[in-house]
Amino acid sequence: MNGRTADSVPAALVGGVPVARERVDVVLAMVPARDREVRPEGQARAERQRRRWATQVVVADELARRACAARGLAPPPREAPARPPAVSGTEVADLGSIIAVTLAHSPAARTLLAALEAEQRVPEEAVREYYDRNPDRFLTPEALRRGVDPYGGAEPGDFLPYDAVHDVVVRELRRALGRQAFFDWLDRARADVEYMPGHEHPGDPSHPDHEHRH
C-alpha cells in the first residue's frame, strides 16, 4: 500500500489521517479475550472480530478527541491503564460494548458526553409525564415494604411527592438525552472514517464473518 511496510499500515484513516494499529493493540491488551470458541477456526474468527471491535473503540476515541478540540474542551490526559477499564454488564446492555468500553477507555469521550449532556434541556411536561407513567419507580420505602401494587390499589400517600423527585427525574432524563446525542454524534462522525482490511466494523456486511452484535 503506497510502499508502506505491513507494520506501518494504519488501522483506519480519520479524515485522511492514519490511526496507528498500535492503539488497537492497546485496547486488545486491556480487554482479554473470552474463550467462547474451542475450534481453531472459531478462535481465529473470534480474534478477527475482536480486532474489528477494538478498532471501533480506538476510532471513537480519536473522533472524540477531535470533537473536544473543535469545542475548545480539554479532556484530562490519559494515563497508562494499570488494569482493564471497569465496565458493568448494565452499561454494556444500555450502551453496547463498543461505546461502554470507549467511555471507560477514553477521557475525550467522557468529556464530550458530559458536554452534550449539559446542553440538554428537559421540558417540564416531559418530567411530569415520566413521573405519571412510571409509578413503580416512586413508591415510598414503606409502600415497598408492604408490597403495594403501584398500578392497582395504591393510595396517594404510597408515592413520593412529585416535587421531592423532580430534580432526580430531570437528571435522569438529561442523562438519557445526552447519551442519545452522543450516539447521534458518533453515527455522523463515523462517516469520515475509512477502515483498513481486517479492521472493518464488526457488523459490516462486506466482510464474510460480520456480526451485528456490539
N, C-alpha and C. Protein backbone atom coordinates (compact mmCIF):
# COMPACT_ATOMS: atom_id res chain seq x y z
N MET A 1 0.85 -1.19 0.00
CA MET A 1 0.00 0.00 0.00
C MET A 1 0.88 1.24 0.00
N ASN A 2 1.02 1.83 -1.17
CA ASN A 2 1.84 3.03 -1.33
C ASN A 2 3.23 2.86 -0.75
N GLY A 3 3.80 1.62 -0.83
CA GLY A 3 5.16 1.41 -0.38
C GLY A 3 5.33 1.28 1.11
N ARG A 4 4.23 1.31 1.87
CA ARG A 4 4.37 1.20 3.32
C ARG A 4 4.59 -0.25 3.72
N THR A 5 5.34 -0.47 4.77
CA THR A 5 5.52 -1.82 5.29
C THR A 5 4.25 -2.25 6.00
N ALA A 6 4.14 -3.56 6.25
CA ALA A 6 2.94 -4.06 6.93
C ALA A 6 2.79 -3.43 8.30
N ASP A 7 3.92 -3.22 9.01
CA ASP A 7 3.84 -2.66 10.35
C ASP A 7 3.37 -1.22 10.34
N SER A 8 3.57 -0.51 9.22
CA SER A 8 3.20 0.90 9.19
C SER A 8 1.79 1.13 8.68
N VAL A 9 1.10 0.07 8.22
CA VAL A 9 -0.26 0.22 7.72
C VAL A 9 -1.18 0.56 8.90
N PRO A 10 -1.95 1.64 8.80
CA PRO A 10 -2.80 2.01 9.93
C PRO A 10 -4.02 1.11 10.05
N ALA A 11 -4.71 1.23 11.16
CA ALA A 11 -5.97 0.51 11.34
C ALA A 11 -7.10 1.20 10.59
N ALA A 12 -7.03 2.53 10.51
CA ALA A 12 -8.08 3.30 9.87
C ALA A 12 -7.53 4.68 9.52
N LEU A 13 -8.28 5.37 8.69
CA LEU A 13 -8.00 6.76 8.38
C LEU A 13 -9.18 7.59 8.86
N VAL A 14 -8.91 8.61 9.65
CA VAL A 14 -9.95 9.51 10.14
C VAL A 14 -9.70 10.86 9.50
N GLY A 15 -10.57 11.24 8.59
CA GLY A 15 -10.34 12.47 7.85
C GLY A 15 -9.04 12.42 7.06
N GLY A 16 -8.67 11.21 6.62
CA GLY A 16 -7.44 11.03 5.86
C GLY A 16 -6.20 10.88 6.70
N VAL A 17 -6.31 11.01 8.02
CA VAL A 17 -5.16 10.92 8.92
C VAL A 17 -5.09 9.51 9.50
N PRO A 18 -3.92 8.85 9.43
CA PRO A 18 -3.82 7.47 9.91
C PRO A 18 -4.03 7.35 11.42
N VAL A 19 -4.70 6.28 11.80
CA VAL A 19 -4.83 5.88 13.20
C VAL A 19 -4.00 4.61 13.37
N ALA A 20 -2.98 4.66 14.20
CA ALA A 20 -2.00 3.58 14.30
C ALA A 20 -2.62 2.29 14.82
N ARG A 21 -2.17 1.17 14.27
CA ARG A 21 -2.63 -0.12 14.74
C ARG A 21 -2.20 -0.38 16.18
N GLU A 22 -1.12 0.26 16.61
CA GLU A 22 -0.66 0.05 17.99
C GLU A 22 -1.74 0.47 19.00
N ARG A 23 -2.54 1.47 18.64
CA ARG A 23 -3.61 1.89 19.55
C ARG A 23 -4.67 0.80 19.68
N VAL A 24 -4.91 0.08 18.61
CA VAL A 24 -5.84 -1.05 18.66
C VAL A 24 -5.26 -2.15 19.55
N ASP A 25 -3.95 -2.39 19.44
CA ASP A 25 -3.31 -3.41 20.26
C ASP A 25 -3.43 -3.08 21.75
N VAL A 26 -3.38 -1.80 22.09
CA VAL A 26 -3.52 -1.39 23.49
C VAL A 26 -4.89 -1.78 24.02
N VAL A 27 -5.93 -1.53 23.24
CA VAL A 27 -7.29 -1.89 23.67
C VAL A 27 -7.42 -3.40 23.77
N LEU A 28 -6.88 -4.13 22.81
CA LEU A 28 -6.94 -5.59 22.87
C LEU A 28 -6.26 -6.13 24.12
N ALA A 29 -5.15 -5.52 24.50
CA ALA A 29 -4.43 -5.95 25.70
C ALA A 29 -5.22 -5.63 26.97
N MET A 30 -6.00 -4.54 26.94
CA MET A 30 -6.77 -4.15 28.12
C MET A 30 -7.98 -5.03 28.33
N VAL A 31 -8.56 -5.53 27.25
CA VAL A 31 -9.80 -6.31 27.34
C VAL A 31 -9.50 -7.73 26.89
N PRO A 32 -9.23 -8.64 27.83
CA PRO A 32 -8.84 -10.00 27.45
C PRO A 32 -9.92 -10.71 26.65
N ALA A 33 -9.48 -11.64 25.82
CA ALA A 33 -10.42 -12.42 25.02
C ALA A 33 -11.20 -13.37 25.91
N ARG A 34 -12.43 -13.64 25.52
CA ARG A 34 -13.24 -14.64 26.20
C ARG A 34 -13.19 -15.93 25.40
N ASP A 35 -12.97 -17.03 26.07
CA ASP A 35 -12.82 -18.31 25.39
C ASP A 35 -14.20 -18.90 25.06
N ARG A 36 -14.84 -18.32 24.07
CA ARG A 36 -16.15 -18.82 23.68
C ARG A 36 -16.05 -19.86 22.58
N GLU A 37 -14.93 -19.89 21.88
CA GLU A 37 -14.75 -20.81 20.76
C GLU A 37 -13.65 -21.81 21.13
N VAL A 38 -13.83 -23.06 20.76
CA VAL A 38 -12.82 -24.06 21.07
C VAL A 38 -12.08 -24.53 19.82
N ARG A 39 -12.73 -24.54 18.68
CA ARG A 39 -12.06 -24.96 17.47
C ARG A 39 -11.12 -23.86 16.98
N PRO A 40 -9.99 -24.25 16.37
CA PRO A 40 -9.03 -23.24 15.90
C PRO A 40 -9.66 -22.23 14.94
N GLU A 41 -10.51 -22.71 14.02
CA GLU A 41 -11.12 -21.76 13.09
C GLU A 41 -12.05 -20.79 13.81
N GLY A 42 -12.71 -21.30 14.86
CA GLY A 42 -13.58 -20.42 15.64
C GLY A 42 -12.77 -19.39 16.42
N GLN A 43 -11.63 -19.81 16.95
CA GLN A 43 -10.77 -18.89 17.68
C GLN A 43 -10.24 -17.80 16.76
N ALA A 44 -9.88 -18.18 15.52
CA ALA A 44 -9.37 -17.20 14.57
C ALA A 44 -10.45 -16.19 14.22
N ARG A 45 -11.66 -16.68 14.02
CA ARG A 45 -12.77 -15.78 13.70
C ARG A 45 -13.04 -14.82 14.84
N ALA A 46 -13.06 -15.37 16.07
CA ALA A 46 -13.31 -14.53 17.24
C ALA A 46 -12.23 -13.46 17.38
N GLU A 47 -10.99 -13.81 17.10
CA GLU A 47 -9.92 -12.83 17.22
C GLU A 47 -10.03 -11.75 16.15
N ARG A 48 -10.44 -12.14 14.93
CA ARG A 48 -10.66 -11.13 13.89
C ARG A 48 -11.75 -10.16 14.30
N GLN A 49 -12.83 -10.69 14.85
CA GLN A 49 -13.93 -9.82 15.27
C GLN A 49 -13.52 -8.94 16.46
N ARG A 50 -12.69 -9.49 17.34
CA ARG A 50 -12.21 -8.71 18.48
C ARG A 50 -11.37 -7.53 18.01
N ARG A 51 -10.53 -7.76 16.99
CA ARG A 51 -9.71 -6.66 16.46
C ARG A 51 -10.60 -5.60 15.81
N ARG A 52 -11.61 -6.01 15.09
CA ARG A 52 -12.53 -5.05 14.48
C ARG A 52 -13.26 -4.25 15.55
N TRP A 53 -13.67 -4.96 16.60
CA TRP A 53 -14.36 -4.31 17.72
C TRP A 53 -13.43 -3.29 18.38
N ALA A 54 -12.18 -3.69 18.65
CA ALA A 54 -11.23 -2.77 19.30
C ALA A 54 -10.93 -1.57 18.41
N THR A 55 -10.92 -1.76 17.09
CA THR A 55 -10.72 -0.64 16.18
C THR A 55 -11.83 0.39 16.35
N GLN A 56 -13.06 -0.08 16.54
CA GLN A 56 -14.17 0.85 16.75
C GLN A 56 -13.97 1.69 18.01
N VAL A 57 -13.45 1.06 19.06
CA VAL A 57 -13.17 1.80 20.30
C VAL A 57 -12.13 2.88 20.05
N VAL A 58 -11.06 2.53 19.33
CA VAL A 58 -9.98 3.49 19.06
C VAL A 58 -10.47 4.62 18.16
N VAL A 59 -11.24 4.27 17.15
CA VAL A 59 -11.77 5.30 16.25
C VAL A 59 -12.70 6.25 17.00
N ALA A 60 -13.56 5.71 17.86
CA ALA A 60 -14.44 6.58 18.64
C ALA A 60 -13.64 7.51 19.54
N ASP A 61 -12.56 6.99 20.12
CA ASP A 61 -11.68 7.83 20.94
C ASP A 61 -11.06 8.95 20.09
N GLU A 62 -10.58 8.60 18.91
CA GLU A 62 -9.96 9.61 18.03
C GLU A 62 -10.99 10.67 17.61
N LEU A 63 -12.18 10.23 17.26
CA LEU A 63 -13.22 11.18 16.87
C LEU A 63 -13.60 12.09 18.05
N ALA A 64 -13.65 11.52 19.25
CA ALA A 64 -13.98 12.31 20.43
C ALA A 64 -12.88 13.34 20.72
N ARG A 65 -11.62 12.96 20.54
CA ARG A 65 -10.53 13.93 20.72
C ARG A 65 -10.70 15.12 19.79
N ARG A 66 -11.03 14.81 18.54
CA ARG A 66 -11.20 15.89 17.56
C ARG A 66 -12.41 16.76 17.89
N ALA A 67 -13.50 16.13 18.32
CA ALA A 67 -14.69 16.89 18.69
C ALA A 67 -14.41 17.79 19.89
N CYS A 68 -13.66 17.29 20.87
CA CYS A 68 -13.31 18.11 22.03
C CYS A 68 -12.45 19.29 21.60
N ALA A 69 -11.49 19.05 20.72
CA ALA A 69 -10.63 20.14 20.25
C ALA A 69 -11.46 21.20 19.52
N ALA A 70 -12.42 20.75 18.71
CA ALA A 70 -13.26 21.70 17.96
C ALA A 70 -14.14 22.52 18.89
N ARG A 71 -14.50 21.94 20.04
CA ARG A 71 -15.36 22.63 21.00
C ARG A 71 -14.57 23.42 22.04
N GLY A 72 -13.25 23.34 21.99
CA GLY A 72 -12.43 24.00 22.99
C GLY A 72 -12.46 23.32 24.33
N LEU A 73 -12.75 22.02 24.35
CA LEU A 73 -12.77 21.25 25.59
C LEU A 73 -11.40 20.61 25.80
N ALA A 74 -10.99 20.50 27.04
CA ALA A 74 -9.68 19.93 27.35
C ALA A 74 -9.86 18.71 28.24
N PRO A 75 -9.92 17.51 27.64
CA PRO A 75 -10.05 16.30 28.46
C PRO A 75 -8.81 16.09 29.32
N PRO A 76 -8.96 15.43 30.45
CA PRO A 76 -7.77 15.10 31.24
C PRO A 76 -6.88 14.15 30.45
N PRO A 77 -5.57 14.21 30.67
CA PRO A 77 -4.68 13.31 29.93
C PRO A 77 -4.95 11.86 30.29
N ARG A 78 -4.80 10.98 29.30
CA ARG A 78 -4.97 9.56 29.55
C ARG A 78 -3.72 9.02 30.21
N GLU A 79 -3.92 8.29 31.29
CA GLU A 79 -2.80 7.63 31.95
C GLU A 79 -2.71 6.19 31.47
N ALA A 80 -1.53 5.64 31.51
CA ALA A 80 -1.36 4.24 31.12
C ALA A 80 -2.20 3.37 32.06
N PRO A 81 -3.11 2.56 31.52
CA PRO A 81 -4.01 1.80 32.39
C PRO A 81 -3.28 0.73 33.18
N ALA A 82 -3.55 0.70 34.47
CA ALA A 82 -2.96 -0.34 35.31
C ALA A 82 -3.76 -1.63 35.23
N ARG A 83 -5.03 -1.53 34.82
CA ARG A 83 -5.89 -2.70 34.71
C ARG A 83 -6.95 -2.39 33.65
N PRO A 84 -7.65 -3.40 33.18
CA PRO A 84 -8.68 -3.17 32.18
C PRO A 84 -9.74 -2.20 32.69
N PRO A 85 -10.34 -1.39 31.79
CA PRO A 85 -11.38 -0.46 32.23
C PRO A 85 -12.57 -1.21 32.81
N ALA A 86 -13.11 -0.68 33.90
CA ALA A 86 -14.25 -1.32 34.54
C ALA A 86 -15.53 -0.98 33.77
N VAL A 87 -16.18 -2.00 33.26
CA VAL A 87 -17.42 -1.83 32.51
C VAL A 87 -18.42 -2.84 33.06
N SER A 88 -19.56 -2.34 33.53
CA SER A 88 -20.55 -3.24 34.10
C SER A 88 -21.42 -3.83 33.01
N GLY A 89 -22.06 -4.95 33.35
CA GLY A 89 -22.99 -5.56 32.41
C GLY A 89 -24.15 -4.66 32.08
N THR A 90 -24.58 -3.85 33.04
CA THR A 90 -25.67 -2.91 32.79
C THR A 90 -25.27 -1.88 31.75
N GLU A 91 -24.03 -1.37 31.86
CA GLU A 91 -23.56 -0.39 30.89
C GLU A 91 -23.49 -0.99 29.49
N VAL A 92 -23.02 -2.23 29.39
CA VAL A 92 -22.97 -2.89 28.09
C VAL A 92 -24.37 -3.06 27.52
N ALA A 93 -25.33 -3.45 28.39
CA ALA A 93 -26.70 -3.62 27.93
C ALA A 93 -27.30 -2.30 27.48
N ASP A 94 -27.01 -1.22 28.20
CA ASP A 94 -27.60 0.09 27.88
C ASP A 94 -26.92 0.76 26.69
N LEU A 95 -25.60 0.61 26.58
CA LEU A 95 -24.83 1.38 25.61
C LEU A 95 -24.29 0.57 24.44
N GLY A 96 -24.20 -0.75 24.61
CA GLY A 96 -23.45 -1.56 23.67
C GLY A 96 -22.00 -1.61 24.10
N SER A 97 -21.32 -2.70 23.81
CA SER A 97 -19.97 -2.88 24.34
C SER A 97 -18.98 -1.88 23.78
N ILE A 98 -19.14 -1.48 22.51
CA ILE A 98 -18.19 -0.53 21.92
C ILE A 98 -18.21 0.79 22.66
N ILE A 99 -19.39 1.35 22.83
CA ILE A 99 -19.48 2.66 23.48
C ILE A 99 -19.17 2.54 24.96
N ALA A 100 -19.61 1.46 25.61
CA ALA A 100 -19.31 1.30 27.04
C ALA A 100 -17.81 1.27 27.28
N VAL A 101 -17.07 0.50 26.47
CA VAL A 101 -15.62 0.43 26.65
C VAL A 101 -14.97 1.74 26.21
N THR A 102 -15.49 2.37 25.16
CA THR A 102 -14.95 3.67 24.75
C THR A 102 -15.01 4.67 25.89
N LEU A 103 -16.14 4.75 26.56
CA LEU A 103 -16.29 5.71 27.65
C LEU A 103 -15.38 5.35 28.82
N ALA A 104 -15.15 4.06 29.06
CA ALA A 104 -14.23 3.67 30.13
C ALA A 104 -12.78 3.95 29.75
N HIS A 105 -12.46 3.84 28.46
CA HIS A 105 -11.08 3.94 27.97
C HIS A 105 -10.68 5.37 27.64
N SER A 106 -11.64 6.21 27.22
CA SER A 106 -11.32 7.48 26.58
C SER A 106 -11.76 8.69 27.40
N PRO A 107 -10.82 9.44 27.98
CA PRO A 107 -11.19 10.68 28.65
C PRO A 107 -11.89 11.66 27.72
N ALA A 108 -11.49 11.68 26.45
CA ALA A 108 -12.12 12.59 25.49
C ALA A 108 -13.58 12.23 25.29
N ALA A 109 -13.90 10.94 25.19
CA ALA A 109 -15.28 10.53 25.02
C ALA A 109 -16.11 10.91 26.24
N ARG A 110 -15.56 10.73 27.44
CA ARG A 110 -16.30 11.10 28.65
C ARG A 110 -16.51 12.61 28.72
N THR A 111 -15.50 13.37 28.32
CA THR A 111 -15.62 14.84 28.33
C THR A 111 -16.68 15.29 27.35
N LEU A 112 -16.68 14.70 26.16
CA LEU A 112 -17.68 15.07 25.15
C LEU A 112 -19.07 14.69 25.61
N LEU A 113 -19.23 13.49 26.18
CA LEU A 113 -20.54 13.07 26.67
C LEU A 113 -21.05 14.03 27.74
N ALA A 114 -20.18 14.45 28.66
CA ALA A 114 -20.59 15.38 29.71
C ALA A 114 -21.03 16.71 29.11
N ALA A 115 -20.32 17.18 28.08
CA ALA A 115 -20.69 18.43 27.44
C ALA A 115 -22.03 18.31 26.73
N LEU A 116 -22.24 17.21 26.04
CA LEU A 116 -23.51 17.01 25.35
C LEU A 116 -24.67 16.90 26.35
N GLU A 117 -24.41 16.22 27.46
CA GLU A 117 -25.45 16.09 28.48
C GLU A 117 -25.81 17.45 29.06
N ALA A 118 -24.80 18.28 29.31
CA ALA A 118 -25.06 19.60 29.89
C ALA A 118 -25.87 20.49 28.96
N GLU A 119 -25.81 20.22 27.67
CA GLU A 119 -26.54 21.03 26.69
C GLU A 119 -28.03 20.69 26.61
N GLN A 120 -28.41 19.55 27.16
CA GLN A 120 -29.79 19.09 27.00
C GLN A 120 -30.74 19.88 27.90
N ARG A 121 -31.89 20.20 27.36
CA ARG A 121 -32.94 20.88 28.11
C ARG A 121 -34.13 19.95 28.23
N VAL A 122 -34.59 19.74 29.44
CA VAL A 122 -35.67 18.79 29.70
C VAL A 122 -36.95 19.58 29.96
N PRO A 123 -37.94 19.50 29.08
CA PRO A 123 -39.19 20.24 29.29
C PRO A 123 -39.92 19.75 30.54
N GLU A 124 -40.58 20.66 31.21
CA GLU A 124 -41.31 20.31 32.43
C GLU A 124 -42.36 19.25 32.15
N GLU A 125 -43.01 19.33 30.98
CA GLU A 125 -44.05 18.35 30.69
C GLU A 125 -43.46 16.94 30.53
N ALA A 126 -42.20 16.85 30.09
CA ALA A 126 -41.56 15.54 29.98
C ALA A 126 -41.29 14.95 31.36
N VAL A 127 -40.94 15.82 32.31
CA VAL A 127 -40.69 15.36 33.68
C VAL A 127 -41.98 14.83 34.29
N ARG A 128 -43.06 15.60 34.12
CA ARG A 128 -44.35 15.19 34.67
C ARG A 128 -44.84 13.89 34.03
N GLU A 129 -44.67 13.79 32.73
CA GLU A 129 -45.11 12.59 32.02
C GLU A 129 -44.34 11.37 32.52
N TYR A 130 -43.04 11.52 32.73
CA TYR A 130 -42.23 10.41 33.22
C TYR A 130 -42.71 9.97 34.61
N TYR A 131 -42.99 10.94 35.47
CA TYR A 131 -43.45 10.64 36.83
C TYR A 131 -44.79 9.90 36.78
N ASP A 132 -45.69 10.37 35.95
CA ASP A 132 -47.02 9.75 35.88
C ASP A 132 -46.98 8.37 35.22
N ARG A 133 -46.06 8.17 34.29
CA ARG A 133 -46.01 6.93 33.52
C ARG A 133 -45.27 5.81 34.26
N ASN A 134 -44.49 6.16 35.27
CA ASN A 134 -43.65 5.17 35.97
C ASN A 134 -43.91 5.17 37.48
N PRO A 135 -45.14 4.90 37.90
CA PRO A 135 -45.44 4.96 39.34
C PRO A 135 -44.64 3.96 40.15
N ASP A 136 -44.22 2.85 39.52
CA ASP A 136 -43.47 1.84 40.26
C ASP A 136 -42.12 2.36 40.74
N ARG A 137 -41.61 3.42 40.12
CA ARG A 137 -40.31 3.95 40.49
C ARG A 137 -40.40 4.94 41.65
N PHE A 138 -41.61 5.29 42.06
CA PHE A 138 -41.75 6.36 43.04
C PHE A 138 -42.55 5.94 44.27
N LEU A 139 -42.61 4.64 44.53
CA LEU A 139 -43.23 4.18 45.78
C LEU A 139 -42.37 4.58 46.96
N THR A 140 -42.99 4.90 48.07
CA THR A 140 -42.24 5.20 49.28
C THR A 140 -41.60 3.92 49.81
N PRO A 141 -40.57 4.04 50.64
CA PRO A 141 -39.98 2.84 51.24
C PRO A 141 -41.00 1.99 52.00
N GLU A 142 -41.92 2.65 52.68
CA GLU A 142 -42.94 1.91 53.43
C GLU A 142 -43.85 1.13 52.49
N ALA A 143 -44.26 1.77 51.38
CA ALA A 143 -45.11 1.08 50.41
C ALA A 143 -44.38 -0.11 49.79
N LEU A 144 -43.09 0.04 49.56
CA LEU A 144 -42.31 -1.08 49.03
C LEU A 144 -42.28 -2.23 50.03
N ARG A 145 -42.11 -1.91 51.30
CA ARG A 145 -42.07 -2.96 52.33
C ARG A 145 -43.41 -3.70 52.40
N ARG A 146 -44.50 -2.96 52.18
CA ARG A 146 -45.83 -3.57 52.26
C ARG A 146 -46.20 -4.29 50.97
N GLY A 147 -45.37 -4.16 49.94
CA GLY A 147 -45.67 -4.82 48.67
C GLY A 147 -46.82 -4.20 47.93
N VAL A 148 -46.96 -2.88 48.05
CA VAL A 148 -48.06 -2.18 47.37
C VAL A 148 -47.92 -2.30 45.86
N ASP A 149 -49.02 -2.57 45.19
CA ASP A 149 -49.04 -2.61 43.72
C ASP A 149 -49.24 -1.17 43.22
N PRO A 150 -48.21 -0.60 42.55
CA PRO A 150 -48.34 0.80 42.14
C PRO A 150 -49.38 1.02 41.05
N TYR A 151 -49.80 -0.06 40.40
CA TYR A 151 -50.77 0.07 39.31
C TYR A 151 -52.19 -0.34 39.71
N GLY A 152 -52.36 -0.67 40.97
CA GLY A 152 -53.70 -1.04 41.41
C GLY A 152 -53.77 -1.11 42.92
N GLY A 153 -54.64 -0.32 43.52
CA GLY A 153 -54.84 -0.37 44.96
C GLY A 153 -53.95 0.56 45.76
N ALA A 154 -53.02 1.26 45.12
CA ALA A 154 -52.14 2.17 45.86
C ALA A 154 -52.88 3.46 46.20
N GLU A 155 -52.54 4.02 47.33
CA GLU A 155 -53.09 5.30 47.77
C GLU A 155 -52.11 6.42 47.42
N PRO A 156 -52.58 7.67 47.31
CA PRO A 156 -51.66 8.79 47.01
C PRO A 156 -50.47 8.87 47.95
N GLY A 157 -50.69 8.52 49.22
CA GLY A 157 -49.60 8.59 50.19
C GLY A 157 -48.55 7.51 50.01
N ASP A 158 -48.80 6.56 49.14
CA ASP A 158 -47.83 5.49 48.88
C ASP A 158 -46.73 5.94 47.92
N PHE A 159 -46.88 7.13 47.35
CA PHE A 159 -45.91 7.60 46.37
C PHE A 159 -45.12 8.79 46.88
N LEU A 160 -43.86 8.85 46.51
CA LEU A 160 -43.06 10.04 46.81
C LEU A 160 -43.65 11.23 46.06
N PRO A 161 -43.74 12.39 46.71
CA PRO A 161 -44.33 13.55 46.05
C PRO A 161 -43.54 13.96 44.81
N TYR A 162 -44.25 14.48 43.83
CA TYR A 162 -43.62 14.92 42.58
C TYR A 162 -42.49 15.91 42.84
N ASP A 163 -42.74 16.90 43.69
CA ASP A 163 -41.71 17.91 43.95
C ASP A 163 -40.46 17.31 44.58
N ALA A 164 -40.63 16.22 45.34
CA ALA A 164 -39.48 15.62 46.01
C ALA A 164 -38.57 14.89 45.05
N VAL A 165 -39.11 14.42 43.93
CA VAL A 165 -38.30 13.63 42.98
C VAL A 165 -38.05 14.38 41.67
N HIS A 166 -38.57 15.59 41.58
CA HIS A 166 -38.48 16.35 40.33
C HIS A 166 -37.05 16.44 39.81
N ASP A 167 -36.13 16.88 40.66
CA ASP A 167 -34.75 17.09 40.20
C ASP A 167 -34.07 15.79 39.82
N VAL A 168 -34.39 14.71 40.52
CA VAL A 168 -33.82 13.40 40.19
C VAL A 168 -34.28 12.97 38.80
N VAL A 169 -35.56 13.18 38.50
CA VAL A 169 -36.09 12.81 37.18
C VAL A 169 -35.45 13.66 36.10
N VAL A 170 -35.28 14.96 36.37
CA VAL A 170 -34.63 15.83 35.38
C VAL A 170 -33.23 15.31 35.06
N ARG A 171 -32.47 14.95 36.10
CA ARG A 171 -31.11 14.45 35.87
C ARG A 171 -31.13 13.16 35.06
N GLU A 172 -32.08 12.29 35.36
CA GLU A 172 -32.14 11.02 34.64
C GLU A 172 -32.51 11.24 33.17
N LEU A 173 -33.47 12.11 32.92
CA LEU A 173 -33.87 12.38 31.53
C LEU A 173 -32.76 13.11 30.78
N ARG A 174 -32.09 14.04 31.45
CA ARG A 174 -30.98 14.74 30.80
C ARG A 174 -29.86 13.76 30.46
N ARG A 175 -29.60 12.83 31.34
CA ARG A 175 -28.57 11.82 31.07
C ARG A 175 -28.94 10.98 29.84
N ALA A 176 -30.21 10.58 29.76
CA ALA A 176 -30.65 9.79 28.61
C ALA A 176 -30.55 10.60 27.32
N LEU A 177 -30.93 11.87 27.36
CA LEU A 177 -30.82 12.72 26.18
C LEU A 177 -29.36 12.93 25.78
N GLY A 178 -28.49 13.08 26.78
CA GLY A 178 -27.07 13.25 26.50
C GLY A 178 -26.49 12.02 25.82
N ARG A 179 -26.89 10.84 26.28
CA ARG A 179 -26.41 9.61 25.65
C ARG A 179 -26.89 9.51 24.21
N GLN A 180 -28.18 9.87 23.99
CA GLN A 180 -28.69 9.82 22.63
C GLN A 180 -27.95 10.80 21.73
N ALA A 181 -27.65 11.98 22.26
CA ALA A 181 -26.88 12.96 21.49
C ALA A 181 -25.49 12.43 21.16
N PHE A 182 -24.90 11.68 22.09
CA PHE A 182 -23.59 11.08 21.85
C PHE A 182 -23.68 10.02 20.75
N PHE A 183 -24.70 9.16 20.82
CA PHE A 183 -24.89 8.15 19.77
C PHE A 183 -25.04 8.82 18.40
N ASP A 184 -25.88 9.87 18.35
CA ASP A 184 -26.13 10.55 17.08
C ASP A 184 -24.85 11.19 16.55
N TRP A 185 -24.09 11.82 17.45
CA TRP A 185 -22.82 12.43 17.04
C TRP A 185 -21.88 11.38 16.47
N LEU A 186 -21.76 10.23 17.14
CA LEU A 186 -20.83 9.21 16.69
C LEU A 186 -21.24 8.65 15.34
N ASP A 187 -22.54 8.44 15.14
CA ASP A 187 -23.00 7.95 13.84
C ASP A 187 -22.61 8.91 12.72
N ARG A 188 -22.76 10.20 12.96
CA ARG A 188 -22.39 11.19 11.94
C ARG A 188 -20.87 11.23 11.75
N ALA A 189 -20.14 11.20 12.85
CA ALA A 189 -18.68 11.36 12.77
C ALA A 189 -18.04 10.18 12.06
N ARG A 190 -18.61 8.99 12.20
CA ARG A 190 -18.02 7.80 11.56
C ARG A 190 -18.05 7.86 10.04
N ALA A 191 -18.87 8.75 9.49
CA ALA A 191 -18.95 8.84 8.03
C ALA A 191 -17.62 9.25 7.40
N ASP A 192 -16.74 9.85 8.19
CA ASP A 192 -15.46 10.33 7.68
C ASP A 192 -14.32 9.35 7.96
N VAL A 193 -14.68 8.09 8.25
CA VAL A 193 -13.68 7.09 8.63
C VAL A 193 -13.55 6.06 7.51
N GLU A 194 -12.31 5.72 7.18
CA GLU A 194 -12.02 4.64 6.24
C GLU A 194 -11.25 3.56 6.99
N TYR A 195 -11.77 2.35 6.97
CA TYR A 195 -11.15 1.26 7.71
C TYR A 195 -10.26 0.44 6.79
N MET A 196 -9.12 0.03 7.30
CA MET A 196 -8.23 -0.82 6.56
C MET A 196 -8.71 -2.27 6.64
N PRO A 197 -8.34 -3.13 5.67
CA PRO A 197 -8.75 -4.52 5.71
C PRO A 197 -8.38 -5.20 7.04
N GLY A 198 -9.33 -5.92 7.58
CA GLY A 198 -9.13 -6.57 8.87
C GLY A 198 -9.53 -5.71 10.05
N HIS A 199 -9.91 -4.47 9.77
CA HIS A 199 -10.31 -3.55 10.85
C HIS A 199 -11.71 -2.98 10.62
N GLU A 200 -12.47 -3.57 9.71
CA GLU A 200 -13.81 -3.08 9.42
C GLU A 200 -14.72 -3.20 10.65
N HIS A 201 -15.85 -2.50 10.59
CA HIS A 201 -16.82 -2.61 11.67
C HIS A 201 -17.25 -4.07 11.80
N PRO A 202 -17.42 -4.59 13.04
CA PRO A 202 -17.83 -6.00 13.19
C PRO A 202 -19.13 -6.34 12.47
N GLY A 203 -20.01 -5.35 12.30
CA GLY A 203 -21.28 -5.60 11.64
C GLY A 203 -21.29 -5.26 10.17
N ASP A 204 -20.14 -4.93 9.60
CA ASP A 204 -20.06 -4.55 8.19
C ASP A 204 -20.34 -5.78 7.31
N PRO A 205 -21.42 -5.79 6.54
CA PRO A 205 -21.75 -6.98 5.75
C PRO A 205 -20.79 -7.23 4.59
N SER A 206 -19.84 -6.32 4.35
CA SER A 206 -18.91 -6.52 3.24
C SER A 206 -17.83 -7.54 3.56
N HIS A 207 -17.67 -7.92 4.84
CA HIS A 207 -16.73 -9.00 5.13
C HIS A 207 -17.51 -10.23 5.56
N PRO A 208 -17.03 -11.44 5.22
CA PRO A 208 -17.85 -12.64 5.29
C PRO A 208 -18.27 -13.07 6.68
N ASP A 209 -17.51 -12.74 7.72
CA ASP A 209 -17.87 -13.20 9.06
C ASP A 209 -18.37 -12.05 9.93
N HIS A 210 -19.08 -11.13 9.30
CA HIS A 210 -19.60 -10.00 10.07
C HIS A 210 -20.64 -10.46 11.08
N GLU A 211 -20.84 -9.65 12.08
CA GLU A 211 -21.89 -9.90 13.07
C GLU A 211 -22.49 -8.58 13.46
N HIS A 212 -23.73 -8.59 13.94
CA HIS A 212 -24.44 -7.35 14.23
C HIS A 212 -24.39 -6.96 15.70
N ARG A 213 -23.89 -7.86 16.55
CA ARG A 213 -23.83 -7.51 17.97
C ARG A 213 -22.71 -6.52 18.22
N HIS A 214 -22.95 -5.57 19.15
CA HIS A 214 -21.92 -4.64 19.60
C HIS A 214 -21.48 -5.02 20.99
